[in-house]
Amino acid sequence: MLRKLIKSKRGEGYVDIVVSIFCLLLVIALAVSFLPVFTAKQQLDLFAAEIVRQAEIVGGTDVSGRIAVMKAQTGLDPEIVWDCDYFRGNRVQLDGDISVTLTTTVDVSFFFFGPFRIAIRAKASGKSEVYYK
């Protein structure tokens, strides 16, 4: 009787469906846990582009007001590194290069594994639009 029960294929499809649904749910849970990394990267790219554009318009790296606004909007507090062709002080002459690199970390955890810290970086560059005499 036990031999017939082991060789029987009845109900095999139900087990396959349950295992498939379980695997699908694990993949969805993994995707949801990594989604904050992608949204933070997109926000960091926007942050870098916005402060570089402000620096182009102002003609220097004194854009602390715009940085504070972007920190409030995105909820990120990145490390900011400027790389510019300075004219005088924090001013950049017309057509001078302005470049910024933002770096921050995002915590990711998957169920009881983690948290893991993932470093993300965004870089943006532009040219100054202000002429200093």
Protein backbone atom coordinates (compact mmCIF):
# COMPACT_ATOMS: atom_id res chain seq x y z
CA MET A 1 0.00 0.00 0.00
CA LEU A 2 2.79 2.42 0.89
CA ARG A 3 4.55 1.56 -2.37
CA LYS A 4 1.41 2.43 -4.38
CA LEU A 5 1.06 5.73 -2.49
CA ILE A 6 4.66 6.74 -3.20
CA LYS A 7 4.40 5.91 -6.92
CA SER A 8 1.12 7.76 -7.27
CA LYS A 9 1.32 11.09 -9.19
CA ARG A 10 -2.01 12.44 -7.94
CA GLY A 11 -1.80 15.96 -6.48
CA GLU A 12 1.63 16.65 -7.97
CA GLY A 13 0.34 19.72 -9.84
CA TYR A 14 -0.87 21.33 -6.63
CA VAL A 15 2.56 21.03 -5.02
CA ASP A 16 4.21 22.56 -8.12
CA ILE A 17 1.82 25.51 -8.03
CA VAL A 18 2.41 26.11 -4.31
CA VAL A 19 6.20 26.04 -4.76
CA SER A 20 5.96 28.35 -7.80
CA ILE A 21 3.81 30.87 -5.92
CA PHE A 22 6.21 30.77 -2.96
CA CYS A 23 9.18 31.48 -5.26
CA LEU A 24 7.28 34.30 -6.95
CA LEU A 25 6.50 35.89 -3.59
CA LEU A 26 10.17 35.70 -2.57
CA VAL A 27 11.21 37.42 -5.81
CA ILE A 28 8.62 40.17 -5.25
CA ALA A 29 9.79 40.64 -1.64
CA LEU A 30 13.40 40.94 -2.84
CA ALA A 31 12.41 43.52 -5.46
CA VAL A 32 10.47 45.55 -2.89
CA SER A 33 13.42 45.52 -0.50
CA PHE A 34 15.79 46.86 -3.20
CA LEU A 35 13.35 49.47 -4.56
CA PRO A 36 14.51 52.20 -2.11
CA VAL A 37 18.01 52.01 -3.58
CA PHE A 38 16.74 52.83 -7.07
CA THR A 39 14.51 55.66 -5.88
CA ALA A 40 17.35 57.12 -3.80
CA LYS A 41 19.67 56.97 -6.83
CA GLN A 42 17.10 58.78 -8.96
CA GLN A 43 16.61 61.44 -6.26
CA LEU A 44 20.37 61.85 -5.87
CA ASP A 45 20.78 62.35 -9.64
CA LEU A 46 18.06 65.01 -9.54
CA PHE A 47 19.70 66.63 -6.49
CA ALA A 48 23.06 66.88 -8.32
CA ALA A 49 21.50 68.26 -11.50
CA GLU A 50 19.51 70.89 -9.60
CA ILE A 51 22.42 72.26 -7.56
CA VAL A 52 24.73 72.33 -10.59
CA ARG A 53 22.11 74.25 -12.55
CA GLN A 54 21.81 76.72 -9.67
CA ALA A 55 25.61 77.06 -9.56
CA GLU A 56 25.64 77.75 -13.32
CA ILE A 57 23.08 80.52 -12.93
CA VAL A 58 24.74 82.06 -9.85
CA GLY A 59 28.25 81.69 -11.25
CA GLY A 60 29.69 79.99 -8.18
CA THR A 61 29.31 77.27 -5.62
CA ASP A 62 27.50 79.36 -3.00
CA VAL A 63 24.15 77.58 -3.44
CA SER A 64 23.45 76.62 0.16
CA GLY A 65 19.83 77.77 -0.13
CA ARG A 66 19.13 75.41 -3.02
CA ILE A 67 20.96 72.60 -1.23
CA ALA A 68 18.75 73.07 1.85
CA VAL A 69 15.61 72.99 -0.33
CA MET A 70 16.75 69.81 -2.09
CA LYS A 71 17.62 68.14 1.23
CA ALA A 72 14.11 68.90 2.46
CA GLN A 73 12.48 67.65 -0.76
CA THR A 74 14.43 64.42 -1.14
CA GLY A 75 15.12 63.57 2.48
CA LEU A 76 18.73 62.84 1.59
CA ASP A 77 21.78 64.38 3.27
CA PRO A 78 24.63 63.55 0.89
CA GLU A 79 28.30 64.41 1.09
CA ILE A 80 28.91 67.17 -1.49
CA VAL A 81 32.25 67.62 -3.27
CA TRP A 82 32.71 70.50 -5.75
CA ASP A 83 35.34 70.49 -8.52
CA CYS A 84 35.49 73.89 -10.25
CA ASP A 85 37.74 76.31 -12.09
CA TYR A 86 37.54 79.03 -9.42
CA PHE A 87 38.07 82.66 -10.41
CA ARG A 88 38.03 84.33 -7.00
CA GLY A 89 36.67 82.89 -3.76
CA ASN A 90 33.85 80.54 -4.68
CA ARG A 91 33.10 82.30 -7.98
CA VAL A 92 33.49 80.61 -11.36
CA GLN A 93 34.20 82.74 -14.45
CA LEU A 94 32.02 82.59 -17.58
CA ASP A 95 32.34 79.21 -19.33
CA GLY A 96 34.29 77.79 -16.38
CA ASP A 97 33.71 74.16 -15.50
CA ILE A 98 31.49 73.34 -12.52
CA SER A 99 31.25 69.76 -11.34
CA VAL A 100 29.71 68.22 -8.25
CA THR A 101 29.78 64.70 -6.82
CA LEU A 102 27.19 63.60 -4.26
CA THR A 103 27.67 60.46 -2.17
CA THR A 104 25.29 58.86 0.31
CA THR A 105 24.42 55.43 1.68
CA VAL A 106 21.12 53.56 1.75
CA ASP A 107 20.25 50.74 4.15
CA VAL A 108 18.78 47.59 2.62
CA SER A 109 17.53 44.54 4.49
CA PHE A 110 15.83 41.35 3.35
CA PHE A 111 13.66 39.76 6.03
CA PHE A 112 16.06 39.07 8.91
CA PHE A 113 19.23 39.48 6.77
CA GLY A 114 20.85 42.87 6.99
CA PRO A 115 20.81 45.78 7.15
CA PHE A 116 23.34 46.22 4.38
CA ARG A 117 24.67 49.68 3.54
CA ILE A 118 24.88 50.45 -0.16
CA ALA A 119 26.83 53.53 -1.26
CA ILE A 120 25.37 55.47 -4.16
CA ARG A 121 26.99 58.31 -6.06
CA ALA A 122 25.71 60.95 -8.46
CA LYS A 123 27.76 63.33 -10.56
CA ALA A 124 26.70 66.36 -12.57
CA SER A 125 28.62 69.07 -14.40
CA GLY A 126 28.04 72.29 -16.26
CA LYS A 127 29.49 75.65 -17.28
CA SER A 128 29.22 78.98 -15.49
CA GLU A 129 26.94 81.56 -17.10
CA VAL A 130 28.23 84.64 -15.23
CA TYR A 131 31.00 87.00 -16.35
CA TYR A 132 33.12 88.61 -13.63
CA LYS A 133 35.23 91.68 -14.40
